[in-house]
C-alpha atoms as a PDB file:
ATOM      1  CA  MET A   1      -8.236  14.698 -16.906  1.00  0.00           C
ATOM      2  CA  GLN A   2      -7.831  16.852 -13.817  1.00  0.00           C
ATOM      3  CA  LEU A   3      -7.241  15.559 -10.281  1.00  0.00           C
ATOM      4  CA  ALA A   4      -6.273  17.158  -6.981  1.00  0.00           C
ATOM      5  CA  MET A   5      -3.958  15.365  -4.548  1.00  0.00           C
ATOM      6  CA  ILE A   6      -3.772  16.085  -0.828  1.00  0.00           C
ATOM      7  CA  GLY A   7      -0.677  14.568   0.773  1.00  0.00           C
ATOM      8  CA  LEU A   8       2.565  14.463  -1.188  1.00  0.00           C
ATOM      9  CA  GLY A   9       4.518  11.870   0.751  1.00  0.00           C
ATOM     10  CA  ARG A  10       6.177   8.709  -0.568  1.00  0.00           C
ATOM     11  CA  MET A  11       3.098   7.542  -2.444  1.00  0.00           C
ATOM     12  CA  GLY A  12       1.046  10.696  -2.980  1.00  0.00           C
ATOM     13  CA  GLY A  13       3.883  12.522  -4.715  1.00  0.00           C
ATOM     14  CA  ASN A  14       4.706   9.603  -6.994  1.00  0.00           C
ATOM     15  CA  ILE A  15       1.058   9.068  -7.887  1.00  0.00           C
ATOM     16  CA  VAL A  16       0.982  12.683  -9.069  1.00  0.00           C
ATOM     17  CA  ARG A  17       4.175  12.195 -11.071  1.00  0.00           C
ATOM     18  CA  ARG A  18       2.843   9.060 -12.754  1.00  0.00           C
ATOM     19  CA  LEU A  19      -0.420  10.837 -13.619  1.00  0.00           C
ATOM     20  CA  MET A  20       1.393  13.811 -15.124  1.00  0.00           C
ATOM     21  CA  ARG A  21       3.547  11.458 -17.171  1.00  0.00           C
ATOM     22  CA  GLY A  22       0.287  10.058 -18.505  1.00  0.00           C
ATOM     23  CA  GLY A  23      -0.951  13.492 -19.556  1.00  0.00           C
ATOM     24  CA  HIS A  24      -3.256  14.328 -16.640  1.00  0.00           C
ATOM     25  CA  ASP A  25      -3.414  17.720 -14.934  1.00  0.00           C
ATOM     26  CA  CYS A  26      -2.777  17.728 -11.185  1.00  0.00           C
ATOM     27  CA  VAL A  27      -3.443  20.301  -8.487  1.00  0.00           C
ATOM     28  CA  VAL A  28      -1.505  19.503  -5.316  1.00  0.00           C
ATOM     29  CA  PHE A  29      -1.572  20.451  -1.655  1.00  0.00           C
ATOM     30  CA  ASP A  30       0.536  19.461   1.321  1.00  0.00           C
ATOM     31  CA  THR A  31       1.189  21.223   4.600  1.00  0.00           C
ATOM     32  CA  GLN A  32       4.895  21.082   3.721  1.00  0.00           C
ATOM     33  CA  GLN A  33       5.633  23.924   1.325  1.00  0.00           C
ATOM     34  CA  GLU A  34       8.759  22.217  -0.059  1.00  0.00           C
ATOM     35  CA  SER A  35       6.666  19.206  -1.107  1.00  0.00           C
ATOM     36  CA  ARG A  36       4.276  21.468  -3.025  1.00  0.00           C
ATOM     37  CA  GLN A  37       7.154  23.309  -4.672  1.00  0.00           C
ATOM     38  CA  ALA A  38       8.848  20.076  -5.741  1.00  0.00           C
ATOM     39  CA  LEU A  39       5.714  18.888  -7.570  1.00  0.00           C
ATOM     40  CA  ALA A  40       5.170  22.347  -9.048  1.00  0.00           C
ATOM     41  CA  LYS A  41       8.640  22.117 -10.622  1.00  0.00           C
ATOM     42  CA  ASP A  42       7.535  18.845 -12.203  1.00  0.00           C
ATOM     43  CA  GLY A  43       4.459  20.486 -13.725  1.00  0.00           C
ATOM     44  CA  ALA A  44       1.733  20.337 -11.081  1.00  0.00           C
ATOM     45  CA  VAL A  45      -0.305  23.353  -9.944  1.00  0.00           C
ATOM     46  CA  ALA A  46       0.395  24.015  -6.256  1.00  0.00           C
ATOM     47  CA  ALA A  47      -2.367  25.229  -3.942  1.00  0.00           C
ATOM     48  CA  SER A  48      -1.811  27.242  -0.775  1.00  0.00           C
ATOM     49  CA  ASP A  49      -4.664  25.579   1.154  1.00  0.00           C
ATOM     50  CA  LEU A  50      -7.701  23.373   0.614  1.00  0.00           C
ATOM     51  CA  ALA A  51      -9.958  26.248  -0.418  1.00  0.00           C
ATOM     52  CA  ASP A  52      -7.404  27.413  -2.978  1.00  0.00           C
ATOM     53  CA  MET A  53      -7.093  23.854  -4.248  1.00  0.00           C
ATOM     54  CA  VAL A  54     -10.846  23.486  -4.759  1.00  0.00           C
ATOM     55  CA  ALA A  55     -10.995  26.877  -6.497  1.00  0.00           C
ATOM     56  CA  LYS A  56      -8.431  25.653  -9.031  1.00  0.00           C
ATOM     57  CA  LEU A  57     -10.538  22.627 -10.029  1.00  0.00           C
ATOM     58  CA  LYS A  58     -13.191  22.297 -12.716  1.00  0.00           C
ATOM     59  CA  ALA A  59     -16.516  20.610 -11.963  1.00  0.00           C
ATOM     60  CA  PRO A  60     -17.025  17.809 -11.321  1.00  0.00           C
ATOM     61  CA  ARG A  61     -14.064  18.155  -8.991  1.00  0.00           C
ATOM     62  CA  ALA A  62     -12.076  15.072  -8.002  1.00  0.00           C
ATOM     63  CA  VAL A  63      -9.916  15.215  -4.876  1.00  0.00           C
ATOM     64  CA  TRP A  64      -7.640  12.333  -3.830  1.00  0.00           C
ATOM     65  CA  VAL A  65      -6.689  12.227  -0.132  1.00  0.00           C
ATOM     66  CA  MET A  66      -3.399  10.362   0.436  1.00  0.00           C
ATOM     67  CA  LEU A  67      -2.767  10.818   4.151  1.00  0.00           C
ATOM     68  CA  PRO A  68      -2.186   8.480   7.108  1.00  0.00           C
ATOM     69  CA  ALA A  69      -5.329   6.684   8.228  1.00  0.00           C
ATOM     70  CA  GLY A  70      -7.071   8.154  11.237  1.00  0.00           C
ATOM     71  CA  GLU A  71      -7.632  11.665  12.530  1.00  0.00           C
ATOM     72  CA  ILE A  72      -5.780  13.609   9.838  1.00  0.00           C
ATOM     73  CA  THR A  73      -7.716  11.884   7.041  1.00  0.00           C
ATOM     74  CA  GLU A  74     -10.980  12.295   8.942  1.00  0.00           C
ATOM     75  CA  LYS A  75     -10.489  16.029   9.476  1.00  0.00           C
ATOM     76  CA  THR A  76      -9.422  16.584   5.881  1.00  0.00           C
ATOM     77  CA  ILE A  77     -12.512  14.886   4.477  1.00  0.00           C
ATOM     78  CA  GLN A  78     -14.704  16.874   6.852  1.00  0.00           C
ATOM     79  CA  GLN A  79     -13.136  20.087   5.528  1.00  0.00           C
ATOM     80  CA  LEU A  80     -13.671  18.963   1.954  1.00  0.00           C
ATOM     81  CA  GLU A  81     -17.346  18.348   2.679  1.00  0.00           C
ATOM     82  CA  GLY A  82     -17.715  22.054   3.355  1.00  0.00           C
ATOM     83  CA  LEU A  83     -15.847  23.080   0.211  1.00  0.00           C
ATOM     84  CA  LEU A  84     -17.131  20.701  -2.460  1.00  0.00           C
ATOM     85  CA  SER A  85     -20.467  20.616  -4.270  1.00  0.00           C
ATOM     86  CA  SER A  86     -22.964  18.047  -5.477  1.00  0.00           C
ATOM     87  CA  GLY A  87     -21.443  15.782  -8.128  1.00  0.00           C
ATOM     88  CA  ASP A  88     -17.880  16.241  -6.880  1.00  0.00           C
ATOM     89  CA  ILE A  89     -15.782  13.232  -5.828  1.00  0.00           C
ATOM     90  CA  VAL A  90     -13.669  12.508  -2.758  1.00  0.00           C
ATOM     91  CA  ILE A  91     -11.155   9.650  -3.026  1.00  0.00           C
ATOM     92  CA  ASP A  92      -9.436   8.131  -0.010  1.00  0.00           C
ATOM     93  CA  GLY A  93      -6.394   6.267  -1.308  1.00  0.00           C
ATOM     94  CA  GLY A  94      -4.768   5.640   2.076  1.00  0.00           C
ATOM     95  CA  ASN A  95      -5.250   2.675   4.383  1.00  0.00           C
ATOM     96  CA  SER A  96      -8.433   3.735   6.157  1.00  0.00           C
ATOM     97  CA  ASN A  97     -10.612   1.259   7.996  1.00  0.00           C
ATOM     98  CA  TYR A  98     -13.378   0.154   5.619  1.00  0.00           C
ATOM     99  CA  GLN A  99     -16.025   0.870   8.259  1.00  0.00           C
ATOM    100  CA  ASP A 100     -14.985   4.526   8.201  1.00  0.00           C
ATOM    101  CA  ASP A 101     -15.544   4.494   4.425  1.00  0.00           C
ATOM    102  CA  VAL A 102     -19.121   3.313   4.851  1.00  0.00           C
ATOM    103  CA  ARG A 103     -19.848   6.125   7.307  1.00  0.00           C
ATOM    104  CA  ARG A 104     -18.133   8.801   5.218  1.00  0.00           C
ATOM    105  CA  ALA A 105     -19.899   7.757   2.024  1.00  0.00           C
ATOM    106  CA  GLN A 106     -23.267   8.035   3.743  1.00  0.00           C
ATOM    107  CA  GLN A 107     -22.391  11.443   5.201  1.00  0.00           C
ATOM    108  CA  LEU A 108     -21.110  12.914   1.928  1.00  0.00           C
ATOM    109  CA  LYS A 109     -24.044  11.527  -0.030  1.00  0.00           C
ATOM    110  CA  LYS A 110     -26.362  13.879   1.886  1.00  0.00           C
ATOM    111  CA  LYS A 111     -24.693  16.729   0.031  1.00  0.00           C
ATOM    112  CA  GLY A 112     -24.494  14.843  -3.260  1.00  0.00           C
ATOM    113  CA  ILE A 113     -20.717  14.339  -2.982  1.00  0.00           C
ATOM    114  CA  ARG A 114     -19.563  10.972  -4.304  1.00  0.00           C
ATOM    115  CA  TYR A 115     -17.058   8.896  -2.329  1.00  0.00           C
ATOM    116  CA  ILE A 116     -14.472   6.396  -3.551  1.00  0.00           C
ATOM    117  CA  ASP A 117     -12.159   4.247  -1.403  1.00  0.00           C
ATOM    118  CA  VAL A 118      -9.030   2.988  -3.139  1.00  0.00           C
ATOM    119  CA  GLY A 119      -6.850   0.344  -1.550  1.00  0.00           C
ATOM    120  CA  THR A 120      -3.504   1.172  -3.144  1.00  0.00           C
ATOM    121  CA  SER A 121      -0.560  -1.229  -3.291  1.00  0.00           C
ATOM    122  CA  GLY A 122       2.773  -0.450  -4.889  1.00  0.00           C
ATOM    123  CA  GLY A 123       4.737   1.491  -2.311  1.00  0.00           C
ATOM    124  CA  VAL A 124       7.804   3.441  -3.336  1.00  0.00           C
ATOM    125  CA  TRP A 125       8.108   1.357  -6.513  1.00  0.00           C
ATOM    126  CA  GLY A 126       4.727   2.442  -7.872  1.00  0.00           C
ATOM    127  CA  LEU A 127       6.020   5.351  -9.941  1.00  0.00           C
ATOM    128  CA  GLU A 128       7.747   2.948 -12.321  1.00  0.00           C
ATOM    129  CA  ARG A 129       5.890  -0.329 -11.762  1.00  0.00           C
ATOM    130  CA  GLY A 130       2.389   1.108 -11.348  1.00  0.00           C
ATOM    131  CA  TYR A 131      -0.123   0.690  -8.544  1.00  0.00           C
ATOM    132  CA  CYS A 132      -2.470  -2.213  -7.904  1.00  0.00           C
ATOM    133  CA  MET A 133      -5.798  -0.647  -6.913  1.00  0.00           C
ATOM    134  CA  MET A 134      -8.846  -2.127  -5.201  1.00  0.00           C
ATOM    135  CA  ILE A 135     -11.679   0.369  -5.672  1.00  0.00           C
ATOM    136  CA  GLY A 136     -14.975   0.669  -3.818  1.00  0.00           C
ATOM    137  CA  GLY A 137     -17.666   3.321  -3.653  1.00  0.00           C
ATOM    138  CA  ASP A 138     -19.952   5.181  -6.040  1.00  0.00           C
ATOM    139  CA  ASP A 139     -19.979   3.357  -9.392  1.00  0.00           C
ATOM    140  CA  THR A 140     -20.578   6.516 -11.436  1.00  0.00           C
ATOM    141  CA  ALA A 141     -17.542   8.105  -9.792  1.00  0.00           C
ATOM    142  CA  PHE A 142     -15.473   5.041 -10.658  1.00  0.00           C
ATOM    143  CA  GLN A 143     -16.549   5.265 -14.299  1.00  0.00           C
ATOM    144  CA  HIS A 144     -15.688   8.972 -14.390  1.00  0.00           C
ATOM    145  CA  LEU A 145     -12.264   8.370 -12.848  1.00  0.00           C
ATOM    146  CA  GLU A 146     -11.362   5.250 -14.807  1.00  0.00           C
ATOM    147  CA  PRO A 147      -8.818   7.096 -17.001  1.00  0.00           C
ATOM    148  CA  ILE A 148      -6.983   8.004 -13.779  1.00  0.00           C
ATOM    149  CA  PHE A 149      -6.953   4.413 -12.549  1.00  0.00           C
ATOM    150  CA  LYS A 150      -5.882   3.080 -15.922  1.00  0.00           C
ATOM    151  CA  THR A 151      -2.895   5.442 -15.968  1.00  0.00           C
ATOM    152  CA  LEU A 152      -1.845   4.539 -12.440  1.00  0.00           C
ATOM    153  CA  ALA A 153      -2.222   0.779 -12.882  1.00  0.00           C
ATOM    154  CA  PRO A 154       0.660  -1.430 -14.080  1.00  0.00           C
ATOM    155  CA  GLY A 155      -1.253  -2.610 -17.164  1.00  0.00           C
ATOM    156  CA  ILE A 156      -1.201  -6.142 -18.547  1.00  0.00           C
ATOM    157  CA  GLY A 157       2.520  -6.018 -19.307  1.00  0.00           C
ATOM    158  CA  ASP A 158       4.164  -9.338 -20.130  1.00  0.00           C
ATOM    159  CA  ILE A 159       2.231 -11.403 -17.553  1.00  0.00           C
ATOM    160  CA  PRO A 160       0.286 -14.103 -19.423  1.00  0.00           C
ATOM    161  CA  LEU A 161      -3.456 -14.411 -18.877  1.00  0.00           C
ATOM    162  CA  THR A 162      -4.539 -16.966 -16.300  1.00  0.00           C
ATOM    163  CA  PRO A 163      -5.833 -20.077 -18.103  1.00  0.00           C
ATOM    164  CA  GLY A 164      -9.623 -20.011 -18.131  1.00  0.00           C
ATOM    165  CA  ARG A 165      -9.909 -16.212 -18.075  1.00  0.00           C
ATOM    166  CA  GLU A 166      -9.501 -15.642 -21.801  1.00  0.00           C
ATOM    167  CA  ASP A 167     -13.169 -14.711 -22.340  1.00  0.00           C
ATOM    168  CA  ARG A 168     -13.706 -12.722 -19.155  1.00  0.00           C
ATOM    169  CA  LYS A 169     -14.194  -8.975 -19.371  1.00  0.00           C
ATOM    170  CA  SER A 170     -12.437  -7.487 -16.364  1.00  0.00           C
ATOM    171  CA  THR A 171      -9.965  -4.748 -15.563  1.00  0.00           C
ATOM    172  CA  ALA A 172      -8.218  -7.072 -13.099  1.00  0.00           C
ATOM    173  CA  GLU A 173      -5.574  -7.966 -15.682  1.00  0.00           C
ATOM    174  CA  ASP A 174      -4.709  -4.264 -15.954  1.00  0.00           C
ATOM    175  CA  GLY A 175      -4.102  -3.988 -12.219  1.00  0.00           C
ATOM    176  CA  TYR A 176      -7.226  -2.179 -11.011  1.00  0.00           C
ATOM    177  CA  LEU A 177     -10.696  -3.421 -10.109  1.00  0.00           C
ATOM    178  CA  TYR A 178     -14.021  -1.957  -9.007  1.00  0.00           C
ATOM    179  CA  THR A 179     -14.976  -4.174  -6.062  1.00  0.00           C
ATOM    180  CA  GLY A 180     -18.417  -2.819  -5.109  1.00  0.00           C
ATOM    181  CA  PRO A 181     -20.011  -0.373  -2.652  1.00  0.00           C
ATOM    182  CA  ALA A 182     -18.217   1.961  -0.258  1.00  0.00           C
ATOM    183  CA  GLY A 183     -15.671   0.224   1.930  1.00  0.00           C
ATOM    184  CA  SER A 184     -15.208  -2.804  -0.303  1.00  0.00           C
ATOM    185  CA  GLY A 185     -11.975  -1.478  -1.812  1.00  0.00           C
ATOM    186  CA  HIS A 186     -10.342  -0.931   1.552  1.00  0.00           C
ATOM    187  CA  PHE A 187     -11.750  -4.236   2.829  1.00  0.00           C
ATOM    188  CA  VAL A 188     -10.004  -6.103  -0.005  1.00  0.00           C
ATOM    189  CA  LYS A 189      -6.792  -4.119   0.632  1.00  0.00           C
ATOM    190  CA  MET A 190      -7.060  -4.847   4.358  1.00  0.00           C
ATOM    191  CA  VAL A 191      -7.144  -8.604   3.756  1.00  0.00           C
ATOM    192  CA  HIS A 192      -4.389  -8.191   1.130  1.00  0.00           C
ATOM    193  CA  ASN A 193      -2.195  -6.655   3.836  1.00  0.00           C
ATOM    194  CA  GLY A 194      -3.135  -9.372   6.319  1.00  0.00           C
ATOM    195  CA  ILE A 195      -1.958 -11.968   3.788  1.00  0.00           C
ATOM    196  CA  GLU A 196       1.175  -9.889   3.258  1.00  0.00           C
ATOM    197  CA  TYR A 197       1.958 -10.223   6.975  1.00  0.00           C
ATOM    198  CA  GLY A 198       1.759 -14.015   6.699  1.00  0.00           C
ATOM    199  CA  LEU A 199       3.914 -14.223   3.567  1.00  0.00           C
ATOM    200  CA  MET A 200       6.556 -11.953   5.032  1.00  0.00           C
ATOM    201  CA  GLN A 201       6.630 -13.932   8.261  1.00  0.00           C
ATOM    202  CA  ALA A 202       7.079 -17.220   6.386  1.00  0.00           C
ATOM    203  CA  TYR A 203      10.071 -15.863   4.456  1.00  0.00           C
ATOM    204  CA  ALA A 204      11.552 -14.329   7.617  1.00  0.00           C
ATOM    205  CA  GLU A 205      11.247 -17.502   9.686  1.00  0.00           C
ATOM    206  CA  GLY A 206      12.586 -19.698   6.888  1.00  0.00           C
ATOM    207  CA  LEU A 207      15.649 -17.503   6.448  1.00  0.00           C
ATOM    208  CA  ASP A 208      16.187 -17.458  10.207  1.00  0.00           C
ATOM    209  CA  ILE A 209      16.276 -21.279  10.169  1.00  0.00           C
ATOM    210  CA  LEU A 210      18.773 -21.241   7.306  1.00  0.00           C
ATOM    211  CA  LYS A 211      20.967 -18.786   9.212  1.00  0.00           C
ATOM    212  CA  GLY A 212      20.648 -20.718  12.465  1.00  0.00           C
ATOM    213  CA  VAL A 213      21.991 -23.999  11.055  1.00  0.00           C
ATOM    214  CA  GLY A 214      25.497 -22.537  11.243  1.00  0.00           C
ATOM    215  CA  GLN A 215      25.454 -22.139  15.019  1.00  0.00           C
ATOM    216  CA  SER A 216      28.139 -23.823  17.114  1.00  0.00           C
ATOM    217  CA  PHE A 217      25.780 -26.127  19.014  1.00  0.00           C
ATOM    218  CA  ILE A 218      24.567 -27.776  15.796  1.00  0.00           C
ATOM    219  CA  PRO A 219      26.497 -31.076  15.247  1.00  0.00           C
ATOM    220  CA  GLN A 220      29.495 -30.456  13.008  1.00  0.00           C
ATOM    221  CA  GLU A 221      28.334 -32.837  10.289  1.00  0.00           C
ATOM    222  CA  ARG A 222      25.024 -30.935  10.019  1.00  0.00           C
ATOM    223  CA  ARG A 223      26.395 -27.441  10.458  1.00  0.00           C
ATOM    224  CA  TYR A 224      26.265 -25.349   7.265  1.00  0.00           C
ATOM    225  CA  ASP A 225      27.518 -21.870   6.474  1.00  0.00           C
ATOM    226  CA  LEU A 226      24.829 -20.852   4.014  1.00  0.00           C
ATOM    227  CA  ASN A 227      24.922 -17.758   1.821  1.00  0.00           C
ATOM    228  CA  LEU A 228      21.443 -16.316   2.261  1.00  0.00           C
ATOM    229  CA  ALA A 229      21.929 -13.668  -0.424  1.00  0.00           C
ATOM    230  CA  ASP A 230      22.679 -16.395  -2.959  1.00  0.00           C
ATOM    231  CA  ILE A 231      19.850 -18.619  -1.748  1.00  0.00           C
ATOM    232  CA  THR A 232      17.229 -15.884  -2.085  1.00  0.00           C
ATOM    233  CA  GLU A 233      18.605 -15.077  -5.538  1.00  0.00           C
ATOM    234  CA  LEU A 234      18.371 -18.766  -6.419  1.00  0.00           C
ATOM    235  CA  TRP A 235      14.768 -19.005  -5.235  1.00  0.00           C
ATOM    236  CA  ARG A 236      13.820 -16.056  -7.447  1.00  0.00           C
ATOM    237  CA  ARG A 237      14.544 -18.194 -10.498  1.00  0.00           C
ATOM    238  CA  GLY A 238      12.075 -21.002 -11.119  1.00  0.00           C
ATOM    239  CA  SER A 239      11.182 -21.694  -7.485  1.00  0.00           C
ATOM    240  CA  VAL A 240       7.573 -22.163  -6.415  1.00  0.00           C
ATOM    241  CA  VAL A 241       8.160 -19.622  -3.607  1.00  0.00           C
ATOM    242  CA  SER A 242       9.287 -16.838  -5.948  1.00  0.00           C
ATOM    243  CA  SER A 243       7.470 -13.518  -5.493  1.00  0.00           C
ATOM    244  CA  TRP A 244       8.025  -9.769  -5.406  1.00  0.00           C
ATOM    245  CA  LEU A 245       8.525  -9.980  -1.642  1.00  0.00           C
ATOM    246  CA  LEU A 246      11.319 -12.462  -2.254  1.00  0.00           C
ATOM    247  CA  ASP A 247      12.789 -10.087  -4.864  1.00  0.00           C
ATOM    248  CA  LEU A 248      12.860  -7.336  -2.246  1.00  0.00           C
ATOM    249  CA  THR A 249      14.406  -9.651   0.336  1.00  0.00           C
ATOM    250  CA  ALA A 250      17.142 -10.563  -2.136  1.00  0.00           C
ATOM    251  CA  ILE A 251      17.865  -6.851  -2.694  1.00  0.00           C
ATOM    252  CA  SER A 252      18.254  -6.299   1.050  1.00  0.00           C
ATOM    253  CA  LEU A 253      20.521  -9.314   1.573  1.00  0.00           C
ATOM    254  CA  ALA A 254      22.684  -8.393  -1.413  1.00  0.00           C
ATOM    255  CA  LYS A 255      23.339  -4.988   0.140  1.00  0.00           C
ATOM    256  CA  ASP A 256      23.575  -6.084   3.778  1.00  0.00           C
ATOM    257  CA  PRO A 257      23.984  -9.887   4.259  1.00  0.00           C
ATOM    258  CA  ASN A 258      23.539  -9.716   8.040  1.00  0.00           C
ATOM    259  CA  LEU A 259      20.904  -6.950   7.894  1.00  0.00           C
ATOM    260  CA  ASP A 260      22.946  -4.954  10.386  1.00  0.00           C
ATOM    261  CA  ALA A 261      21.122  -1.782   9.342  1.00  0.00           C
ATOM    262  CA  PHE A 262      17.916  -3.102  10.918  1.00  0.00           C
ATOM    263  CA  SER A 263      17.081  -3.598  14.578  1.00  0.00           C
ATOM    264  CA  GLY A 264      14.184  -5.958  13.877  1.00  0.00           C
ATOM    265  CA  HIS A 265      11.586  -3.700  15.518  1.00  0.00           C
ATOM    266  CA  VAL A 266       8.598  -4.366  13.231  1.00  0.00           C
ATOM    267  CA  GLU A 267       5.578  -2.054  13.270  1.00  0.00           C
ATOM    268  CA  ASP A 268       2.079  -2.886  12.057  1.00  0.00           C
ATOM    269  CA  SER A 269       0.034  -0.233  10.286  1.00  0.00           C
ATOM    270  CA  GLY A 270      -3.392  -1.475  11.396  1.00  0.00           C
ATOM    271  CA  GLU A 271      -4.644  -3.603   8.521  1.00  0.00           C
ATOM    272  CA  GLY A 272      -3.371  -6.834  10.096  1.00  0.00           C
ATOM    273  CA  ARG A 273      -5.358  -6.164  13.268  1.00  0.00           C
ATOM    274  CA  TRP A 274      -8.460  -5.228  11.280  1.00  0.00           C
ATOM    275  CA  THR A 275      -8.139  -8.405   9.210  1.00  0.00           C
ATOM    276  CA  ILE A 276      -8.084 -10.499  12.386  1.00  0.00           C
ATOM    277  CA  ASN A 277     -11.139  -8.612  13.682  1.00  0.00           C
ATOM    278  CA  ALA A 278     -12.979  -9.398  10.445  1.00  0.00           C
ATOM    279  CA  ALA A 279     -11.976 -13.054  10.718  1.00  0.00           C
ATOM    280  CA  ILE A 280     -13.342 -13.195  14.241  1.00  0.00           C
ATOM    281  CA  GLU A 281     -16.602 -11.537  13.163  1.00  0.00           C
ATOM    282  CA  GLU A 282     -16.963 -14.043  10.306  1.00  0.00           C
ATOM    283  CA  ALA A 283     -15.822 -17.028  12.432  1.00  0.00           C
ATOM    284  CA  VAL A 284     -13.070 -17.743   9.884  1.00  0.00           C
ATOM    285  CA  PRO A 285      -9.896 -19.423  11.233  1.00  0.00           C
ATOM    286  CA  ALA A 286      -6.855 -17.262  10.443  1.00  0.00           C
ATOM    287  CA  ASN A 287      -4.055 -19.084  12.244  1.00  0.00           C
ATOM    288  CA  VAL A 288      -1.180 -17.902  10.040  1.00  0.00           C
ATOM    289  CA  LEU A 289      -2.308 -14.268   9.853  1.00  0.00           C
ATOM    290  CA  PHE A 290      -2.853 -14.076  13.620  1.00  0.00           C
ATOM    291  CA  ALA A 291       0.535 -15.665  14.294  1.00  0.00           C
ATOM    292  CA  ALA A 292       2.222 -13.195  11.930  1.00  0.00           C
ATOM    293  CA  LEU A 293       0.605 -10.258  13.734  1.00  0.00           C
ATOM    294  CA  ASN A 294       1.691 -11.652  17.109  1.00  0.00           C
ATOM    295  CA  ALA A 295       5.232 -12.002  15.774  1.00  0.00           C
ATOM    296  CA  ARG A 296       5.278  -8.272  15.041  1.00  0.00           C
ATOM    297  CA  PHE A 297       4.158  -7.530  18.587  1.00  0.00           C
ATOM    298  CA  ARG A 298       6.939  -9.738  19.944  1.00  0.00           C
ATOM    299  CA  SER A 299       9.546  -8.116  17.684  1.00  0.00           C
ATOM    300  CA  ARG A 300       9.276  -4.945  19.710  1.00  0.00           C
ATOM    301  CA  GLN A 301      10.794  -6.751  22.683  1.00  0.00           C
ATOM    302  CA  ASP A 302      13.747  -8.836  21.416  1.00  0.00           C
ATOM    303  CA  ALA A 303      14.947  -8.704  17.814  1.00  0.00           C
ATOM    304  CA  THR A 304      15.841 -11.831  15.836  1.00  0.00           C
ATOM    305  CA  PHE A 305      17.204 -12.163  12.316  1.00  0.00           C
ATOM    306  CA  ALA A 306      13.633 -12.904  11.198  1.00  0.00           C
ATOM    307  CA  ASP A 307      12.572  -9.525  12.579  1.00  0.00           C
ATOM    308  CA  LYS A 308      15.402  -7.791  10.716  1.00  0.00           C
ATOM    309  CA  THR A 309      14.269  -9.553   7.536  1.00  0.00           C
ATOM    310  CA  LEU A 310      10.724  -8.238   8.026  1.00  0.00           C
ATOM    311  CA  SER A 311      12.041  -4.719   8.613  1.00  0.00           C
ATOM    312  CA  ALA A 312      14.194  -4.976   5.495  1.00  0.00           C
ATOM    313  CA  MET A 313      11.211  -6.041   3.369  1.00  0.00           C
ATOM    314  CA  ARG A 314       9.033  -3.204   4.711  1.00  0.00           C
ATOM    315  CA  PHE A 315      11.771  -0.705   3.869  1.00  0.00           C
ATOM    316  CA  GLN A 316      12.204  -2.092   0.350  1.00  0.00           C
ATOM    317  CA  PHE A 317       8.554  -2.114  -0.727  1.00  0.00           C
ATOM    318  CA  GLY A 318       7.282   0.880   1.187  1.00  0.00           C
ATOM    319  CA  GLY A 319      10.241   2.923   2.348  1.00  0.00           C
ATOM    320  CA  HIS A 320       9.127   2.330   5.948  1.00  0.00           C
ATOM    321  CA  GLN A 321      11.744   3.499   8.440  1.00  0.00           C
ATOM    322  CA  GLU A 322      12.131   1.743  11.776  1.00  0.00           C
ATOM    323  CA  LYS A 323      11.089   3.693  14.828  1.00  0.00           C
ATOM    324  CA  PRO A 324      13.743   4.225  17.500  1.00  0.00           C
ATOM    325  CA  THR A 325      13.754   1.476  20.114  1.00  0.00           C
ATOM    326  CA  GLN A 326      11.994   2.486  23.302  1.00  0.00           C
ATOM    327  CA  LYS A 327      14.211   2.288  26.362  1.00  0.00           C
END
């Protein structure tokens, strides 16, 4: 089927490539001409602006916005409202605040435009591995777009079914799920990212402790020179703490055992803060998630090995570059 993509960065461009590999037709737009041209060489139809993009689509039009959360996404969706018609679909696949989704869905509905929010996980690895998608919004739009989601998702692969789920009918095993009304997809992704903060922090602190046991002030008989690259590789194989985040940590340590390429300045992209706000609103204790968020704030002052580990993981799964240290 046909889909338009606005925003051809690390994820938007690879989503288009994965869709075209699956036989879908893609119309693409980005303010960077070289990004449009690169996708056009791969088989996409490049548009010169949003109006040109919409003109190249067949009704019902489906437009996926893959831009940074905030003003640029807001302005783009407002422009699309003036260009699209009743029955068309707007998809926000970025990391928008779920409350913005609720408002946008209500606004677009006045014109008959359907809205879908897609929490998308997969980072720079998604082209090959597929994308895990948490999808909220208009249910008829979800049904119409399901071939798109099925192509983008990882699929069942070789992961065995969870015991007890054999008779359940769900797309969860394929790696995508309709979660409910507008905002629910990004809400689930928001909490997913909050959990991610906690998991990353646990790995980072644990590895910092392993590294620290070799310091000179530790009694000689309890001082160990541990190979962290080997330990993370070991834990990947049969350990209860194995995970994709650990896989990515092992990749970083294999390439750079002391993580000298990272300063340890760890950014947060918003979802961790929003998760804490939701926890406060619901009166749910979130000690680990709040501590992990605070650790990121502190990392911007003095870097530790744990901070470098967090930076290394963010680079591996999302291609996130560190920002220059502020002097």
